[in-house]
Amino acid sequence: VSRDYPTLLRAVAGLTRAVVIRSRKL
């Protein structure tokens, strides 16, 4: 529950580099 993936997703919106998230919560 410590992870803040909503903030990460907002941060990488439009990023041309690939993003990988290893999580069962998303």
PDB file of all heavy atoms in Angstrom:
ATOM      1  N   VAL A   1       0.811  -1.214   0.000  1.00  0.00           N
ATOM      2  CA  VAL A   1       0.000   0.000   0.000  1.00  0.00           C
ATOM      3  C   VAL A   1       0.848   1.270   0.000  1.00  0.00           C
ATOM      4  O   VAL A   1       0.299   2.368  -0.196  1.00  0.00           O
ATOM      5  CB  VAL A   1      -0.933   0.033   1.227  1.00  0.00           C
ATOM      6  CG1 VAL A   1      -1.941  -1.110   1.158  1.00  0.00           C
ATOM      7  CG2 VAL A   1      -0.143  -0.043   2.536  1.00  0.00           C
ATOM      8  N   SER A   2       2.146   1.147   0.192  1.00  0.00           N
ATOM      9  CA  SER A   2       2.999   2.345   0.197  1.00  0.00           C
ATOM     10  C   SER A   2       3.170   2.942  -1.195  1.00  0.00           C
ATOM     11  O   SER A   2       3.490   4.126  -1.332  1.00  0.00           O
ATOM     12  CB  SER A   2       4.375   2.009   0.778  1.00  0.00           C
ATOM     13  OG  SER A   2       5.097   1.158  -0.099  1.00  0.00           O
ATOM     14  N   ARG A   3       2.947   2.153  -2.258  1.00  0.00           N
ATOM     15  CA  ARG A   3       3.217   2.627  -3.613  1.00  0.00           C
ATOM     16  C   ARG A   3       2.184   3.642  -4.085  1.00  0.00           C
ATOM     17  O   ARG A   3       0.983   3.463  -3.911  1.00  0.00           O
ATOM     18  CB  ARG A   3       3.270   1.464  -4.612  1.00  0.00           C
ATOM     19  CG  ARG A   3       4.356   0.434  -4.359  1.00  0.00           C
ATOM     20  CD  ARG A   3       5.730   1.062  -4.213  1.00  0.00           C
ATOM     21  NE  ARG A   3       6.783   0.075  -4.314  1.00  0.00           N
ATOM     22  CZ  ARG A   3       7.201  -0.699  -3.298  1.00  0.00           C
ATOM     23  NH1 ARG A   3       6.626  -0.595  -2.120  1.00  0.00           N
ATOM     24  NH2 ARG A   3       8.181  -1.562  -3.468  1.00  0.00           N
ATOM     25  N   ASP A   4       2.669   4.689  -4.733  1.00  0.00           N
ATOM     26  CA  ASP A   4       1.813   5.754  -5.260  1.00  0.00           C
ATOM     27  C   ASP A   4       1.865   5.706  -6.785  1.00  0.00           C
ATOM     28  O   ASP A   4       2.494   6.551  -7.435  1.00  0.00           O
ATOM     29  CB  ASP A   4       2.286   7.111  -4.729  1.00  0.00           C
ATOM     30  CG  ASP A   4       1.404   8.256  -5.203  1.00  0.00           C
ATOM     31  OD1 ASP A   4       0.346   7.982  -5.792  1.00  0.00           O
ATOM     32  OD2 ASP A   4       1.802   9.420  -5.009  1.00  0.00           O
ATOM     33  N   TYR A   5       1.199   4.718  -7.369  1.00  0.00           N
ATOM     34  CA  TYR A   5       1.226   4.581  -8.812  1.00  0.00           C
ATOM     35  C   TYR A   5       0.432   5.661  -9.546  1.00  0.00           C
ATOM     36  O   TYR A   5       0.804   6.025 -10.672  1.00  0.00           O
ATOM     37  CB  TYR A   5       0.751   3.184  -9.216  1.00  0.00           C
ATOM     38  CG  TYR A   5       1.753   2.109  -8.881  1.00  0.00           C
ATOM     39  CD1 TYR A   5       1.381   0.980  -8.150  1.00  0.00           C
ATOM     40  CD2 TYR A   5       3.087   2.227  -9.269  1.00  0.00           C
ATOM     41  CE1 TYR A   5       2.309  -0.010  -7.839  1.00  0.00           C
ATOM     42  CE2 TYR A   5       4.017   1.246  -8.950  1.00  0.00           C
ATOM     43  CZ  TYR A   5       3.622   0.138  -8.236  1.00  0.00           C
ATOM     44  OH  TYR A   5       4.548  -0.828  -7.912  1.00  0.00           O
ATOM     45  N   PRO A   6      -0.631   6.215  -8.980  1.00  0.00           N
ATOM     46  CA  PRO A   6      -1.297   7.324  -9.684  1.00  0.00           C
ATOM     47  C   PRO A   6      -0.350   8.489  -9.971  1.00  0.00           C
ATOM     48  O   PRO A   6      -0.385   9.076 -11.061  1.00  0.00           O
ATOM     49  CB  PRO A   6      -2.422   7.717  -8.728  1.00  0.00           C
ATOM     50  CG  PRO A   6      -2.757   6.448  -8.022  1.00  0.00           C
ATOM     51  CD  PRO A   6      -1.437   5.765  -7.823  1.00  0.00           C
ATOM     52  N   THR A   7       0.506   8.835  -9.011  1.00  0.00           N
ATOM     53  CA  THR A   7       1.474   9.909  -9.249  1.00  0.00           C
ATOM     54  C   THR A   7       2.461   9.518 -10.341  1.00  0.00           C
ATOM     55  O   THR A   7       2.810  10.330 -11.207  1.00  0.00           O
ATOM     56  CB  THR A   7       2.216  10.250  -7.945  1.00  0.00           C
ATOM     57  OG1 THR A   7       1.293  10.851  -7.033  1.00  0.00           O
ATOM     58  CG2 THR A   7       3.359  11.222  -8.192  1.00  0.00           C
ATOM     59  N   LEU A   8       2.926   8.267 -10.329  1.00  0.00           N
ATOM     60  CA  LEU A   8       3.851   7.813 -11.367  1.00  0.00           C
ATOM     61  C   LEU A   8       3.196   7.883 -12.741  1.00  0.00           C
ATOM     62  O   LEU A   8       3.811   8.341 -13.716  1.00  0.00           O
ATOM     63  CB  LEU A   8       4.320   6.388 -11.074  1.00  0.00           C
ATOM     64  CG  LEU A   8       5.194   5.741 -12.154  1.00  0.00           C
ATOM     65  CD1 LEU A   8       6.489   6.515 -12.362  1.00  0.00           C
ATOM     66  CD2 LEU A   8       5.494   4.284 -11.808  1.00  0.00           C
ATOM     67  N   LEU A   9       1.954   7.431 -12.847  1.00  0.00           N
ATOM     68  CA  LEU A   9       1.280   7.439 -14.143  1.00  0.00           C
ATOM     69  C   LEU A   9       1.102   8.863 -14.663  1.00  0.00           C
ATOM     70  O   LEU A   9       1.260   9.118 -15.866  1.00  0.00           O
ATOM     71  CB  LEU A   9      -0.065   6.728 -14.033  1.00  0.00           C
ATOM     72  CG  LEU A   9       0.005   5.208 -13.821  1.00  0.00           C
ATOM     73  CD1 LEU A   9      -1.387   4.641 -13.576  1.00  0.00           C
ATOM     74  CD2 LEU A   9       0.667   4.510 -15.006  1.00  0.00           C
ATOM     75  N   ARG A  10       0.783   9.782 -13.779  1.00  0.00           N
ATOM     76  CA  ARG A  10       0.668  11.180 -14.229  1.00  0.00           C
ATOM     77  C   ARG A  10       2.033  11.703 -14.674  1.00  0.00           C
ATOM     78  O   ARG A  10       2.130  12.472 -15.642  1.00  0.00           O
ATOM     79  CB  ARG A  10       0.106  12.059 -13.100  1.00  0.00           C
ATOM     80  CG  ARG A  10      -1.356  11.795 -12.785  1.00  0.00           C
ATOM     81  CD  ARG A  10      -1.968  12.915 -11.976  1.00  0.00           C
ATOM     82  NE  ARG A  10      -1.330  13.073 -10.674  1.00  0.00           N
ATOM     83  CZ  ARG A  10      -1.700  12.418  -9.585  1.00  0.00           C
ATOM     84  NH1 ARG A  10      -2.691  11.540  -9.643  1.00  0.00           N
ATOM     85  NH2 ARG A  10      -1.084  12.635  -8.444  1.00  0.00           N
ATOM     86  N   ALA A  11       3.090  11.270 -13.995  1.00  0.00           N
ATOM     87  CA  ALA A  11       4.433  11.758 -14.319  1.00  0.00           C
ATOM     88  C   ALA A  11       4.911  11.260 -15.678  1.00  0.00           C
ATOM     89  O   ALA A  11       5.619  11.976 -16.394  1.00  0.00           O
ATOM     90  CB  ALA A  11       5.420  11.334 -13.231  1.00  0.00           C
ATOM     91  N   VAL A  12       4.545  10.035 -16.061  1.00  0.00           N
ATOM     92  CA  VAL A  12       5.090   9.461 -17.299  1.00  0.00           C
ATOM     93  C   VAL A  12       4.146   9.641 -18.484  1.00  0.00           C
ATOM     94  O   VAL A  12       4.439   9.139 -19.577  1.00  0.00           O
ATOM     95  CB  VAL A  12       5.424   7.960 -17.107  1.00  0.00           C
ATOM     96  CG1 VAL A  12       6.454   7.784 -16.005  1.00  0.00           C
ATOM     97  CG2 VAL A  12       4.161   7.139 -16.812  1.00  0.00           C
ATOM     98  N   ALA A  13       3.031  10.337 -18.295  1.00  0.00           N
ATOM     99  CA  ALA A  13       2.117  10.582 -19.426  1.00  0.00           C
ATOM    100  C   ALA A  13       2.867  11.296 -20.546  1.00  0.00           C
ATOM    101  O   ALA A  13       3.485  12.331 -20.336  1.00  0.00           O
ATOM    102  CB  ALA A  13       0.932  11.413 -18.963  1.00  0.00           C
ATOM    103  N   GLY A  14       2.838  10.705 -21.728  1.00  0.00           N
ATOM    104  CA  GLY A  14       3.518  11.292 -22.872  1.00  0.00           C
ATOM    105  C   GLY A  14       4.994  10.991 -22.961  1.00  0.00           C
ATOM    106  O   GLY A  14       5.656  11.408 -23.921  1.00  0.00           O
ATOM    107  N   LEU A  15       5.544  10.273 -22.025  1.00  0.00           N
ATOM    108  CA  LEU A  15       6.968   9.915 -22.068  1.00  0.00           C
ATOM    109  C   LEU A  15       7.211   8.970 -23.240  1.00  0.00           C
ATOM    110  O   LEU A  15       6.483   7.986 -23.419  1.00  0.00           O
ATOM    111  CB  LEU A  15       7.380   9.245 -20.755  1.00  0.00           C
ATOM    112  CG  LEU A  15       8.860   8.912 -20.576  1.00  0.00           C
ATOM    113  CD1 LEU A  15       9.673  10.197 -20.389  1.00  0.00           C
ATOM    114  CD2 LEU A  15       9.054   8.001 -19.353  1.00  0.00           C
ATOM    115  N   THR A  16       8.243   9.244 -24.028  1.00  0.00           N
ATOM    116  CA  THR A  16       8.509   8.388 -25.191  1.00  0.00           C
ATOM    117  C   THR A  16       9.242   7.111 -24.806  1.00  0.00           C
ATOM    118  O   THR A  16       9.266   6.157 -25.588  1.00  0.00           O
ATOM    119  CB  THR A  16       9.349   9.157 -26.227  1.00  0.00           C
ATOM    120  OG1 THR A  16      10.557   9.626 -25.608  1.00  0.00           O
ATOM    121  CG2 THR A  16       8.565  10.337 -26.778  1.00  0.00           C
ATOM    122  N   ARG A  17       9.839   7.075 -23.638  1.00  0.00           N
ATOM    123  CA  ARG A  17      10.539   5.868 -23.166  1.00  0.00           C
ATOM    124  C   ARG A  17       9.526   4.878 -22.586  1.00  0.00           C
ATOM    125  O   ARG A  17       8.555   5.270 -21.937  1.00  0.00           O
ATOM    126  CB  ARG A  17      11.570   6.240 -22.097  1.00  0.00           C
ATOM    127  CG  ARG A  17      12.465   5.066 -21.641  1.00  0.00           C
ATOM    128  CD  ARG A  17      13.392   4.618 -22.754  1.00  0.00           C
ATOM    129  NE  ARG A  17      14.301   5.704 -23.139  1.00  0.00           N
ATOM    130  CZ  ARG A  17      15.524   5.858 -22.644  1.00  0.00           C
ATOM    131  NH1 ARG A  17      16.002   4.993 -21.756  1.00  0.00           N
ATOM    132  NH2 ARG A  17      16.292   6.851 -23.059  1.00  0.00           N
ATOM    133  N   ALA A  18       9.765   3.587 -22.795  1.00  0.00           N
ATOM    134  CA  ALA A  18       8.887   2.557 -22.248  1.00  0.00           C
ATOM    135  C   ALA A  18       8.949   2.569 -20.719  1.00  0.00           C
ATOM    136  O   ALA A  18      10.006   2.798 -20.116  1.00  0.00           O
ATOM    137  CB  ALA A  18       9.294   1.184 -22.773  1.00  0.00           C
ATOM    138  N   VAL A  19       7.810   2.312 -20.103  1.00  0.00           N
ATOM    139  CA  VAL A  19       7.703   2.219 -18.643  1.00  0.00           C
ATOM    140  C   VAL A  19       7.165   0.830 -18.305  1.00  0.00           C
ATOM    141  O   VAL A  19       6.168   0.383 -18.889  1.00  0.00           O
ATOM    142  CB  VAL A  19       6.757   3.296 -18.083  1.00  0.00           C
ATOM    143  CG1 VAL A  19       6.589   3.135 -16.567  1.00  0.00           C
ATOM    144  CG2 VAL A  19       7.272   4.692 -18.428  1.00  0.00           C
ATOM    145  N   VAL A  20       7.809   0.154 -17.367  1.00  0.00           N
ATOM    146  CA  VAL A  20       7.371  -1.173 -16.920  1.00  0.00           C
ATOM    147  C   VAL A  20       7.064  -1.089 -15.431  1.00  0.00           C
ATOM    148  O   VAL A  20       7.893  -0.626 -14.641  1.00  0.00           O
ATOM    149  CB  VAL A  20       8.443  -2.247 -17.188  1.00  0.00           C
ATOM    150  CG1 VAL A  20       7.987  -3.599 -16.640  1.00  0.00           C
ATOM    151  CG2 VAL A  20       8.751  -2.341 -18.680  1.00  0.00           C
ATOM    152  N   ILE A  21       5.895  -1.556 -15.054  1.00  0.00           N
ATOM    153  CA  ILE A  21       5.505  -1.598 -13.646  1.00  0.00           C
ATOM    154  C   ILE A  21       5.206  -3.046 -13.285  1.00  0.00           C
ATOM    155  O   ILE A  21       4.310  -3.665 -13.875  1.00  0.00           O
ATOM    156  CB  ILE A  21       4.266  -0.718 -13.372  1.00  0.00           C
ATOM    157  CG1 ILE A  21       4.547   0.740 -13.757  1.00  0.00           C
ATOM    158  CG2 ILE A  21       3.860  -0.819 -11.903  1.00  0.00           C
ATOM    159  CD1 ILE A  21       3.330   1.649 -13.623  1.00  0.00           C
ATOM    160  N   ARG A  22       5.967  -3.586 -12.343  1.00  0.00           N
ATOM    161  CA  ARG A  22       5.734  -4.962 -11.892  1.00  0.00           C
ATOM    162  C   ARG A  22       4.864  -4.884 -10.641  1.00  0.00           C
ATOM    163  O   ARG A  22       5.327  -4.585  -9.551  1.00  0.00           O
ATOM    164  CB  ARG A  22       7.056  -5.642 -11.575  1.00  0.00           C
ATOM    165  CG  ARG A  22       7.159  -7.140 -11.839  1.00  0.00           C
ATOM    166  CD  ARG A  22       6.096  -8.005 -11.263  1.00  0.00           C
ATOM    167  NE  ARG A  22       5.989  -7.890  -9.804  1.00  0.00           N
ATOM    168  CZ  ARG A  22       4.977  -8.352  -9.102  1.00  0.00           C
ATOM    169  NH1 ARG A  22       3.970  -8.952  -9.677  1.00  0.00           N
ATOM    170  NH2 ARG A  22       4.946  -8.194  -7.793  1.00  0.00           N
ATOM    171  N   SER A  23       3.575  -5.154 -10.798  1.00  0.00           N
ATOM    172  CA  SER A  23       2.660  -5.046  -9.664  1.00  0.00           C
ATOM    173  C   SER A  23       1.389  -5.826  -9.950  1.00  0.00           C
ATOM    174  O   SER A  23       0.904  -5.848 -11.083  1.00  0.00           O
ATOM    175  CB  SER A  23       2.311  -3.585  -9.387  1.00  0.00           C
ATOM    176  OG  SER A  23       1.378  -3.482  -8.320  1.00  0.00           O
ATOM    177  N   ARG A  24       0.861  -6.424  -8.911  1.00  0.00           N
ATOM    178  CA  ARG A  24      -0.449  -7.087  -9.004  1.00  0.00           C
ATOM    179  C   ARG A  24      -1.581  -6.158  -8.588  1.00  0.00           C
ATOM    180  O   ARG A  24      -2.746  -6.557  -8.615  1.00  0.00           O
ATOM    181  CB  ARG A  24      -0.450  -8.349  -8.127  1.00  0.00           C
ATOM    182  CG  ARG A  24       0.471  -9.458  -8.612  1.00  0.00           C
ATOM    183  CD  ARG A  24       0.325 -10.712  -7.768  1.00  0.00           C
ATOM    184  NE  ARG A  24       0.845 -10.508  -6.423  1.00  0.00           N
ATOM    185  CZ  ARG A  24       2.102 -10.759  -6.068  1.00  0.00           C
ATOM    186  NH1 ARG A  24       2.968 -11.197  -6.974  1.00  0.00           N
ATOM    187  NH2 ARG A  24       2.502 -10.568  -4.835  1.00  0.00           N
ATOM    188  N   LYS A  25      -1.240  -4.951  -8.178  1.00  0.00           N
ATOM    189  CA  LYS A  25      -2.241  -4.015  -7.671  1.00  0.00           C
ATOM    190  C   LYS A  25      -2.680  -2.995  -8.726  1.00  0.00           C
ATOM    191  O   LYS A  25      -3.513  -2.142  -8.429  1.00  0.00           O
ATOM    192  CB  LYS A  25      -1.680  -3.264  -6.461  1.00  0.00           C
ATOM    193  CG  LYS A  25      -1.228  -4.164  -5.322  1.00  0.00           C
ATOM    194  CD  LYS A  25      -2.375  -4.960  -4.733  1.00  0.00           C
ATOM    195  CE  LYS A  25      -1.931  -5.768  -3.537  1.00  0.00           C
ATOM    196  NZ  LYS A  25      -3.020  -6.581  -2.962  1.00  0.00           N
ATOM    197  N   LEU A  26      -2.144  -3.088  -9.912  1.00  0.00           N
ATOM    198  CA  LEU A  26      -2.417  -2.096 -10.943  1.00  0.00           C
ATOM    199  C   LEU A  26      -2.912  -2.793 -12.200  1.00  0.00           C
ATOM    200  O   LEU A  26      -2.359  -3.828 -12.602  1.00  0.00           O
ATOM    201  CB  LEU A  26      -1.137  -1.307 -11.246  1.00  0.00           C
ATOM    202  CG  LEU A  26      -1.264  -0.050 -12.099  1.00  0.00           C
ATOM    203  CD1 LEU A  26      -2.084   1.005 -11.383  1.00  0.00           C
ATOM    204  CD2 LEU A  26       0.130   0.495 -12.423  1.00  0.00           C
TER     205      LEU A  26
END
